[in-house]
Structures are given as C-alpha cells and as structure tokens.
Amino acid sequence: MRIIDILNSGKVTLSFEVFPPKKIENFESVQQATEDVATLHPSFMSVTYGAGGGTSEFTLNIAKNIRDKHGVEVLPHLTCVSSTREHVHNMLRKFKENGFENIMALRGDIPKDGTPHDDYHYASELIADIKAHGNFCIGGACYPEGHVECAHKDEDIKNLKLKVDAGVDFLTTQMFFDNAEFFNFLYRLRENDIRVPVLAGIMPITNAKQLGRHRCTFRNHCSNPLQGNS
C-alpha cells in the first residue's frame, strides 16, 4: 500500500523508524527487535539505509520481513550522496522486484571516512531519478528549524520546493524541540505552495549526547490529518 494513501485516509497515523545492523553477526537480534515493534501494528515502518549503501541488503531484508511476516507496510530508505547512479538504479530494481511501493529519498550524510560521488549532489536529483524509474510513493525530509547546512530558512524552503516539484508525495520533519517552530514551518510551506502531508519527527531522549545530534536524525513519526493538509 502506498504511504500517501494511508496518510490521506483521514486517520491519525503512527509509524516507527528502525535501523539495520552494521554487522552481519547482529542481524538476527536486530531483526527480532523490528518484529517486536511490528507487533504494535503501526501505520507503517521505515527502515534506514547506510551511507553509500553499506547496509543496503540489510535494509531490503528487514523491510521485506516486516511486511511479509507481520503485514505492516514499509518505507525503505535510499540515500545518494555516497552512491553511484548505477548503485541507485540497482537498488530501485531490487525494490521493484520485491514489491515495494514506497521509498524515503534522502541525500544522506557523507561518512567521515568516505567521499561523495559526483552522480548526485542533492536529494531532489535522487527524487527525480526515482520518479523516472517506477511508480513509487516518495517521502522526503524537511527541517522546521532549518537545515544545518543552510544559512537562511527562506533558502531552505526553496530547496524543499525543488524536492516537492521533483516528485515528493509526503515529508517527514527533522526532530524539533519547539512546537511553535513546527507550526510556523507549516505556514511557511503553505505560503510557498507546498501542500503535501507533513509528518512530525519524534525521538525519545535517552541520554544527553543525543541532544547534540538532533539536527542530524529523526526516529518515530506521527501525523495528524489536519497537519497533513498544511
């Protein structure tokens, strides 16, 4: 089922984001943890993707297991800044062959020990490529407090409009601390004719170190149908 259809159903939705293991020896324990979350019957679950595709097969396998074993719709992530176009097209083919209808399209962070490829520079380029290679429902990221690499919020909104125009069906926010920032952000989206559903990203804080990374990560997603039309 396409995520946009779930969001347009008129119901309040709740989703969870899970992380594939970095090492094969941790795969079974992580997969079991994702199954435990799936038993809560969320609206959907998203599965992250390592920079450069380092955990791409883990992403694929965990997403497929969640959907096939528990009947929960999944949203596998796909990043591009450290990937070649060939690798991205190969992943799109695998997603299509395995019956996935949804993709979370992200630029991704450049690994500390890696270098970006020249095939993609921005998420909007990845989104346009996905749109050209299949009838996927595409999610994108947005930043109520402004992207950490963008000096001005107005410029950030312009970049977001490029992603939406390229084919994004819905957006999920970066984590934010002030609800007023989120509501102001929704008004700014409307003023710039961005009207796709927007999900608020929520992350439980379990230690102080997480606070320093809040601009670089989002975890659980919830949405209100009233926000979805903002």
C-alpha atoms as a PDB file:
ATOM      1  CA  MET A   1       0.000   0.000   0.000  1.00  0.00           C
ATOM      2  CA  ARG A   2       1.246   3.480  -0.810  1.00  0.00           C
ATOM      3  CA  ILE A   3       2.063   5.628   2.238  1.00  0.00           C
ATOM      4  CA  ILE A   4       0.288   8.628   0.723  1.00  0.00           C
ATOM      5  CA  ASP A   5      -2.959   6.612   0.672  1.00  0.00           C
ATOM      6  CA  ILE A   6      -2.502   5.804   4.374  1.00  0.00           C
ATOM      7  CA  LEU A   7      -1.936   9.476   5.149  1.00  0.00           C
ATOM      8  CA  ASN A   8      -4.963  10.544   3.107  1.00  0.00           C
ATOM      9  CA  SER A   9      -7.241   8.020   4.848  1.00  0.00           C
ATOM     10  CA  GLY A  10      -8.377  10.609   7.377  1.00  0.00           C
ATOM     11  CA  LYS A  11      -6.998   8.670  10.337  1.00  0.00           C
ATOM     12  CA  VAL A  12      -4.279   9.673  12.796  1.00  0.00           C
ATOM     13  CA  THR A  13      -1.168   7.654  11.935  1.00  0.00           C
ATOM     14  CA  LEU A  14       1.838   6.459  13.904  1.00  0.00           C
ATOM     15  CA  SER A  15       4.978   4.991  12.377  1.00  0.00           C
ATOM     16  CA  PHE A  16       8.333   3.782  13.653  1.00  0.00           C
ATOM     17  CA  GLU A  17      11.809   4.007  12.181  1.00  0.00           C
ATOM     18  CA  VAL A  18      14.229   1.108  12.624  1.00  0.00           C
ATOM     19  CA  PHE A  19      17.933   0.732  11.918  1.00  0.00           C
ATOM     20  CA  PRO A  20      19.583  -2.246  10.206  1.00  0.00           C
ATOM     21  CA  PRO A  21      22.709  -3.593  11.920  1.00  0.00           C
ATOM     22  CA  LYS A  22      26.142  -2.567  10.712  1.00  0.00           C
ATOM     23  CA  LYS A  23      27.478  -6.097  11.131  1.00  0.00           C
ATOM     24  CA  ILE A  24      26.041  -9.414   9.967  1.00  0.00           C
ATOM     25  CA  GLU A  25      26.521 -11.015  13.398  1.00  0.00           C
ATOM     26  CA  ASN A  26      23.959  -8.559  14.823  1.00  0.00           C
ATOM     27  CA  PHE A  27      21.367  -9.149  12.118  1.00  0.00           C
ATOM     28  CA  GLU A  28      19.190 -11.706  13.909  1.00  0.00           C
ATOM     29  CA  SER A  29      18.878  -9.701  17.123  1.00  0.00           C
ATOM     30  CA  VAL A  30      18.038  -6.514  15.229  1.00  0.00           C
ATOM     31  CA  GLN A  31      15.504  -8.308  13.055  1.00  0.00           C
ATOM     32  CA  GLN A  32      13.841  -9.717  16.174  1.00  0.00           C
ATOM     33  CA  ALA A  33      13.654  -6.218  17.645  1.00  0.00           C
ATOM     34  CA  THR A  34      11.975  -4.916  14.479  1.00  0.00           C
ATOM     35  CA  GLU A  35       9.457  -7.754  14.664  1.00  0.00           C
ATOM     36  CA  ASP A  36       8.658  -6.799  18.256  1.00  0.00           C
ATOM     37  CA  VAL A  37       7.904  -3.265  17.075  1.00  0.00           C
ATOM     38  CA  ALA A  38       5.816  -4.580  14.172  1.00  0.00           C
ATOM     39  CA  THR A  39       3.530  -6.421  16.619  1.00  0.00           C
ATOM     40  CA  LEU A  40       2.353  -2.975  17.803  1.00  0.00           C
ATOM     41  CA  HIS A  41       0.664  -2.644  14.374  1.00  0.00           C
ATOM     42  CA  PRO A  42       1.895   0.840  13.406  1.00  0.00           C
ATOM     43  CA  SER A  43       0.566   2.543  10.281  1.00  0.00           C
ATOM     44  CA  PHE A  44       3.909   1.786   8.646  1.00  0.00           C
ATOM     45  CA  MET A  45       7.584   1.301   9.496  1.00  0.00           C
ATOM     46  CA  SER A  46      10.569   2.908   7.823  1.00  0.00           C
ATOM     47  CA  VAL A  47      13.938   1.191   7.550  1.00  0.00           C
ATOM     48  CA  THR A  48      17.083   3.291   7.303  1.00  0.00           C
ATOM     49  CA  TYR A  49      19.910   2.879   4.828  1.00  0.00           C
ATOM     50  CA  GLY A  50      23.642   3.240   5.458  1.00  0.00           C
ATOM     51  CA  ALA A  51      25.593   5.920   3.639  1.00  0.00           C
ATOM     52  CA  GLY A  52      26.924   4.577   0.367  1.00  0.00           C
ATOM     53  CA  GLY A  53      24.634   1.560   0.582  1.00  0.00           C
ATOM     54  CA  GLY A  54      26.785  -0.265   3.110  1.00  0.00           C
ATOM     55  CA  THR A  55      23.727  -1.867   4.734  1.00  0.00           C
ATOM     56  CA  SER A  56      21.517  -1.926   1.630  1.00  0.00           C
ATOM     57  CA  GLU A  57      20.862  -5.672   1.733  1.00  0.00           C
ATOM     58  CA  PHE A  58      20.042  -5.469   5.448  1.00  0.00           C
ATOM     59  CA  THR A  59      17.572  -2.682   4.680  1.00  0.00           C
ATOM     60  CA  LEU A  60      15.948  -4.760   1.975  1.00  0.00           C
ATOM     61  CA  ASN A  61      15.754  -7.961   4.045  1.00  0.00           C
ATOM     62  CA  ILE A  62      14.423  -6.323   7.205  1.00  0.00           C
ATOM     63  CA  ALA A  63      11.812  -4.333   5.287  1.00  0.00           C
ATOM     64  CA  LYS A  64      10.642  -7.444   3.431  1.00  0.00           C
ATOM     65  CA  ASN A  65      10.431  -9.474   6.656  1.00  0.00           C
ATOM     66  CA  ILE A  66       8.342  -6.811   8.405  1.00  0.00           C
ATOM     67  CA  ARG A  67       5.908  -6.618   5.508  1.00  0.00           C
ATOM     68  CA  ASP A  68       5.630 -10.314   4.688  1.00  0.00           C
ATOM     69  CA  LYS A  69       5.594 -11.699   8.241  1.00  0.00           C
ATOM     70  CA  HIS A  70       3.554  -9.033  10.020  1.00  0.00           C
ATOM     71  CA  GLY A  71       1.591  -7.314   7.252  1.00  0.00           C
ATOM     72  CA  VAL A  72       2.958  -3.873   8.168  1.00  0.00           C
ATOM     73  CA  GLU A  73       3.593  -1.512   5.274  1.00  0.00           C
ATOM     74  CA  VAL A  74       7.243  -0.478   4.968  1.00  0.00           C
ATOM     75  CA  LEU A  75       9.176   2.550   3.795  1.00  0.00           C
ATOM     76  CA  PRO A  76      12.777   1.606   2.936  1.00  0.00           C
ATOM     77  CA  HIS A  77      15.233   4.490   2.812  1.00  0.00           C
ATOM     78  CA  LEU A  78      17.560   5.248  -0.083  1.00  0.00           C
ATOM     79  CA  THR A  79      20.456   7.712   0.116  1.00  0.00           C
ATOM     80  CA  CYS A  80      22.506   9.053  -2.761  1.00  0.00           C
ATOM     81  CA  VAL A  81      25.393  11.361  -1.871  1.00  0.00           C
ATOM     82  CA  SER A  82      27.867   8.499  -1.465  1.00  0.00           C
ATOM     83  CA  SER A  83      26.313   6.274  -4.142  1.00  0.00           C
ATOM     84  CA  THR A  84      26.823   5.940  -7.862  1.00  0.00           C
ATOM     85  CA  ARG A  85      23.877   6.216 -10.218  1.00  0.00           C
ATOM     86  CA  GLU A  86      24.428   2.563 -11.106  1.00  0.00           C
ATOM     87  CA  HIS A  87      24.073   1.523  -7.467  1.00  0.00           C
ATOM     88  CA  VAL A  88      20.899   3.581  -7.024  1.00  0.00           C
ATOM     89  CA  HIS A  89      19.347   2.090 -10.167  1.00  0.00           C
ATOM     90  CA  ASN A  90      20.274  -1.392  -8.937  1.00  0.00           C
ATOM     91  CA  MET A  91      18.518  -0.735  -5.625  1.00  0.00           C
ATOM     92  CA  LEU A  92      15.439   0.618  -7.408  1.00  0.00           C
ATOM     93  CA  ARG A  93      15.316  -2.578  -9.430  1.00  0.00           C
ATOM     94  CA  LYS A  94      15.531  -4.669  -6.238  1.00  0.00           C
ATOM     95  CA  PHE A  95      12.833  -2.619  -4.539  1.00  0.00           C
ATOM     96  CA  LYS A  96      10.584  -3.083  -7.554  1.00  0.00           C
ATOM     97  CA  GLU A  97      11.276  -6.825  -7.813  1.00  0.00           C
ATOM     98  CA  ASN A  98      10.414  -7.271  -4.136  1.00  0.00           C
ATOM     99  CA  GLY A  99       7.132  -5.423  -4.468  1.00  0.00           C
ATOM    100  CA  PHE A 100       7.990  -2.269  -2.529  1.00  0.00           C
ATOM    101  CA  GLU A 101       5.838   0.716  -3.400  1.00  0.00           C
ATOM    102  CA  ASN A 102       7.401   3.337  -1.101  1.00  0.00           C
ATOM    103  CA  ILE A 103      10.857   4.920  -0.808  1.00  0.00           C
ATOM    104  CA  MET A 104      12.231   7.534   1.581  1.00  0.00           C
ATOM    105  CA  ALA A 105      14.602   9.510  -0.648  1.00  0.00           C
ATOM    106  CA  LEU A 106      17.457  11.250   1.174  1.00  0.00           C
ATOM    107  CA  ARG A 107      20.722  12.874   0.266  1.00  0.00           C
ATOM    108  CA  GLY A 108      22.347  11.225   3.265  1.00  0.00           C
ATOM    109  CA  ASP A 109      25.370  12.222   5.323  1.00  0.00           C
ATOM    110  CA  ILE A 110      28.869  11.894   3.958  1.00  0.00           C
ATOM    111  CA  PRO A 111      30.714   9.252   6.026  1.00  0.00           C
ATOM    112  CA  LYS A 112      33.678  10.523   7.986  1.00  0.00           C
ATOM    113  CA  ASP A 113      35.906   8.043   6.192  1.00  0.00           C
ATOM    114  CA  GLY A 114      34.215   8.348   2.793  1.00  0.00           C
ATOM    115  CA  THR A 115      33.863  10.721  -0.124  1.00  0.00           C
ATOM    116  CA  PRO A 116      30.781  11.681  -2.136  1.00  0.00           C
ATOM    117  CA  HIS A 117      30.336  10.603  -5.737  1.00  0.00           C
ATOM    118  CA  ASP A 118      29.590  13.120  -8.475  1.00  0.00           C
ATOM    119  CA  ASP A 119      26.417  11.393  -9.690  1.00  0.00           C
ATOM    120  CA  TYR A 120      24.157  13.020  -7.075  1.00  0.00           C
ATOM    121  CA  HIS A 121      24.566  16.183  -5.052  1.00  0.00           C
ATOM    122  CA  TYR A 122      21.051  16.804  -3.723  1.00  0.00           C
ATOM    123  CA  ALA A 123      18.020  14.764  -2.700  1.00  0.00           C
ATOM    124  CA  SER A 124      15.965  16.466  -5.417  1.00  0.00           C
ATOM    125  CA  GLU A 125      18.166  14.766  -8.028  1.00  0.00           C
ATOM    126  CA  LEU A 126      17.576  11.363  -6.427  1.00  0.00           C
ATOM    127  CA  ILE A 127      13.837  12.013  -6.229  1.00  0.00           C
ATOM    128  CA  ALA A 128      13.643  12.879  -9.923  1.00  0.00           C
ATOM    129  CA  ASP A 129      15.568   9.699 -10.746  1.00  0.00           C
ATOM    130  CA  ILE A 130      13.231   7.549  -8.635  1.00  0.00           C
ATOM    131  CA  LYS A 131      10.217   9.171 -10.287  1.00  0.00           C
ATOM    132  CA  ALA A 132      11.611   8.283 -13.699  1.00  0.00           C
ATOM    133  CA  HIS A 133      12.201   4.623 -12.780  1.00  0.00           C
ATOM    134  CA  GLY A 134       8.891   3.493 -11.348  1.00  0.00           C
ATOM    135  CA  ASN A 135       5.582   4.420  -9.802  1.00  0.00           C
ATOM    136  CA  PHE A 136       6.947   4.717  -6.266  1.00  0.00           C
ATOM    137  CA  CYS A 137       5.399   6.767  -3.481  1.00  0.00           C
ATOM    138  CA  ILE A 138       8.279   9.020  -2.394  1.00  0.00           C
ATOM    139  CA  GLY A 139       8.925  10.522   1.015  1.00  0.00           C
ATOM    140  CA  GLY A 140      11.382  13.330   1.707  1.00  0.00           C
ATOM    141  CA  ALA A 141      12.973  15.068   4.680  1.00  0.00           C
ATOM    142  CA  CYS A 142      12.271  18.616   5.864  1.00  0.00           C
ATOM    143  CA  TYR A 143      13.663  20.824   8.609  1.00  0.00           C
ATOM    144  CA  PRO A 144      11.378  23.080  10.737  1.00  0.00           C
ATOM    145  CA  GLU A 145      14.403  24.739  12.360  1.00  0.00           C
ATOM    146  CA  GLY A 146      16.254  24.977   9.039  1.00  0.00           C
ATOM    147  CA  HIS A 147      18.797  22.597   7.538  1.00  0.00           C
ATOM    148  CA  VAL A 148      22.097  22.677   9.414  1.00  0.00           C
ATOM    149  CA  GLU A 149      23.980  23.396   6.140  1.00  0.00           C
ATOM    150  CA  CYS A 150      21.642  26.184   5.008  1.00  0.00           C
ATOM    151  CA  ALA A 151      22.273  29.703   6.331  1.00  0.00           C
ATOM    152  CA  HIS A 152      18.749  31.058   5.729  1.00  0.00           C
ATOM    153  CA  LYS A 153      15.359  29.426   6.298  1.00  0.00           C
ATOM    154  CA  ASP A 154      13.925  31.028   3.147  1.00  0.00           C
ATOM    155  CA  GLU A 155      16.630  29.367   1.075  1.00  0.00           C
ATOM    156  CA  ASP A 156      15.932  26.084   2.816  1.00  0.00           C
ATOM    157  CA  ILE A 157      12.242  26.323   1.856  1.00  0.00           C
ATOM    158  CA  LYS A 158      13.218  26.981  -1.767  1.00  0.00           C
ATOM    159  CA  ASN A 159      15.344  23.847  -1.756  1.00  0.00           C
ATOM    160  CA  LEU A 160      12.441  21.918  -0.224  1.00  0.00           C
ATOM    161  CA  LYS A 161      10.158  23.164  -3.014  1.00  0.00           C
ATOM    162  CA  LEU A 162      12.617  21.666  -5.513  1.00  0.00           C
ATOM    163  CA  LYS A 163      12.179  18.274  -3.832  1.00  0.00           C
ATOM    164  CA  VAL A 164       8.407  18.526  -3.859  1.00  0.00           C
ATOM    165  CA  ASP A 165       8.351  19.636  -7.501  1.00  0.00           C
ATOM    166  CA  ALA A 166      10.637  16.692  -8.346  1.00  0.00           C
ATOM    167  CA  GLY A 167       8.018  14.246  -7.063  1.00  0.00           C
ATOM    168  CA  VAL A 168       7.869  14.002  -3.248  1.00  0.00           C
ATOM    169  CA  ASP A 169       4.467  12.754  -2.038  1.00  0.00           C
ATOM    170  CA  PHE A 170       4.931  13.498   1.667  1.00  0.00           C
ATOM    171  CA  LEU A 171       7.528  14.918   4.059  1.00  0.00           C
ATOM    172  CA  THR A 172       8.889  13.881   7.443  1.00  0.00           C
ATOM    173  CA  THR A 173      10.458  16.528   9.643  1.00  0.00           C
ATOM    174  CA  GLN A 174      13.771  16.538  11.359  1.00  0.00           C
ATOM    175  CA  MET A 175      13.374  16.408  15.120  1.00  0.00           C
ATOM    176  CA  PHE A 176      12.480  19.760  16.702  1.00  0.00           C
ATOM    177  CA  PHE A 177      12.147  20.967  20.298  1.00  0.00           C
ATOM    178  CA  ASP A 178       9.610  23.793  19.993  1.00  0.00           C
ATOM    179  CA  ASN A 179       6.129  23.116  18.621  1.00  0.00           C
ATOM    180  CA  ALA A 180       5.892  26.765  17.591  1.00  0.00           C
ATOM    181  CA  GLU A 181       8.773  26.155  15.178  1.00  0.00           C
ATOM    182  CA  PHE A 182       6.791  23.323  13.585  1.00  0.00           C
ATOM    183  CA  PHE A 183       3.552  25.286  13.216  1.00  0.00           C
ATOM    184  CA  ASN A 184       5.404  28.305  11.809  1.00  0.00           C
ATOM    185  CA  PHE A 185       7.129  25.948   9.392  1.00  0.00           C
ATOM    186  CA  LEU A 186       3.755  24.628   8.177  1.00  0.00           C
ATOM    187  CA  TYR A 187       2.592  28.181   7.480  1.00  0.00           C
ATOM    188  CA  ARG A 188       5.786  28.900   5.532  1.00  0.00           C
ATOM    189  CA  LEU A 189       5.227  25.762   3.470  1.00  0.00           C
ATOM    190  CA  ARG A 190       1.715  26.891   2.596  1.00  0.00           C
ATOM    191  CA  GLU A 191       2.958  30.339   1.622  1.00  0.00           C
ATOM    192  CA  ASN A 192       5.352  28.637  -0.789  1.00  0.00           C
ATOM    193  CA  ASP A 193       2.615  26.398  -2.234  1.00  0.00           C
ATOM    194  CA  ILE A 194       3.971  23.221  -0.602  1.00  0.00           C
ATOM    195  CA  ARG A 195       0.856  21.241   0.317  1.00  0.00           C
ATOM    196  CA  VAL A 196       1.982  17.627   0.650  1.00  0.00           C
ATOM    197  CA  PRO A 197       1.350  15.884   4.009  1.00  0.00           C
ATOM    198  CA  VAL A 198       3.935  16.644   6.690  1.00  0.00           C
ATOM    199  CA  LEU A 199       4.774  14.163   9.460  1.00  0.00           C
ATOM    200  CA  ALA A 200       6.317  15.372  12.704  1.00  0.00           C
ATOM    201  CA  GLY A 201       9.505  13.506  13.633  1.00  0.00           C
ATOM    202  CA  ILE A 202       9.726  12.496  17.308  1.00  0.00           C
ATOM    203  CA  MET A 203      12.694  10.974  19.114  1.00  0.00           C
ATOM    204  CA  PRO A 204      12.764   9.969  22.796  1.00  0.00           C
ATOM    205  CA  ILE A 205      15.818  11.463  24.504  1.00  0.00           C
ATOM    206  CA  THR A 206      17.611   8.753  26.468  1.00  0.00           C
ATOM    207  CA  ASN A 207      20.981  10.463  27.006  1.00  0.00           C
ATOM    208  CA  ALA A 208      22.499  13.930  26.787  1.00  0.00           C
ATOM    209  CA  LYS A 209      24.686  13.111  23.766  1.00  0.00           C
ATOM    210  CA  GLN A 210      21.580  12.734  21.607  1.00  0.00           C
ATOM    211  CA  LEU A 211      20.784  16.421  22.050  1.00  0.00           C
ATOM    212  CA  GLY A 212      23.889  17.371  20.086  1.00  0.00           C
ATOM    213  CA  ARG A 213      22.781  15.249  17.137  1.00  0.00           C
ATOM    214  CA  HIS A 214      19.155  16.372  16.987  1.00  0.00           C
ATOM    215  CA  ARG A 215      19.669  18.171  13.662  1.00  0.00           C
ATOM    216  CA  CYS A 216      21.035  15.041  12.042  1.00  0.00           C
ATOM    217  CA  THR A 217      18.414  12.434  12.861  1.00  0.00           C
ATOM    218  CA  PHE A 218      14.747  11.634  13.205  1.00  0.00           C
ATOM    219  CA  ARG A 219      13.195   8.479  14.580  1.00  0.00           C
ATOM    220  CA  ASN A 220       9.453   7.946  15.188  1.00  0.00           C
ATOM    221  CA  HIS A 221       6.864   9.662  13.017  1.00  0.00           C
ATOM    222  CA  CYS A 222       3.341  10.673  13.843  1.00  0.00           C
ATOM    223  CA  SER A 223       0.854  12.710  11.878  1.00  0.00           C
ATOM    224  CA  ASN A 224      -2.438  14.443  12.342  1.00  0.00           C
ATOM    225  CA  PRO A 225      -4.745  14.627   9.331  1.00  0.00           C
ATOM    226  CA  LEU A 226      -5.187  18.363   9.915  1.00  0.00           C
ATOM    227  CA  GLN A 227      -1.431  18.881   9.608  1.00  0.00           C
ATOM    228  CA  GLY A 228      -1.352  16.715   6.517  1.00  0.00           C
ATOM    229  CA  ASN A 229      -3.182  19.360   4.505  1.00  0.00           C
ATOM    230  CA  SER A 230      -0.954  22.215   5.588  1.00  0.00           C
END
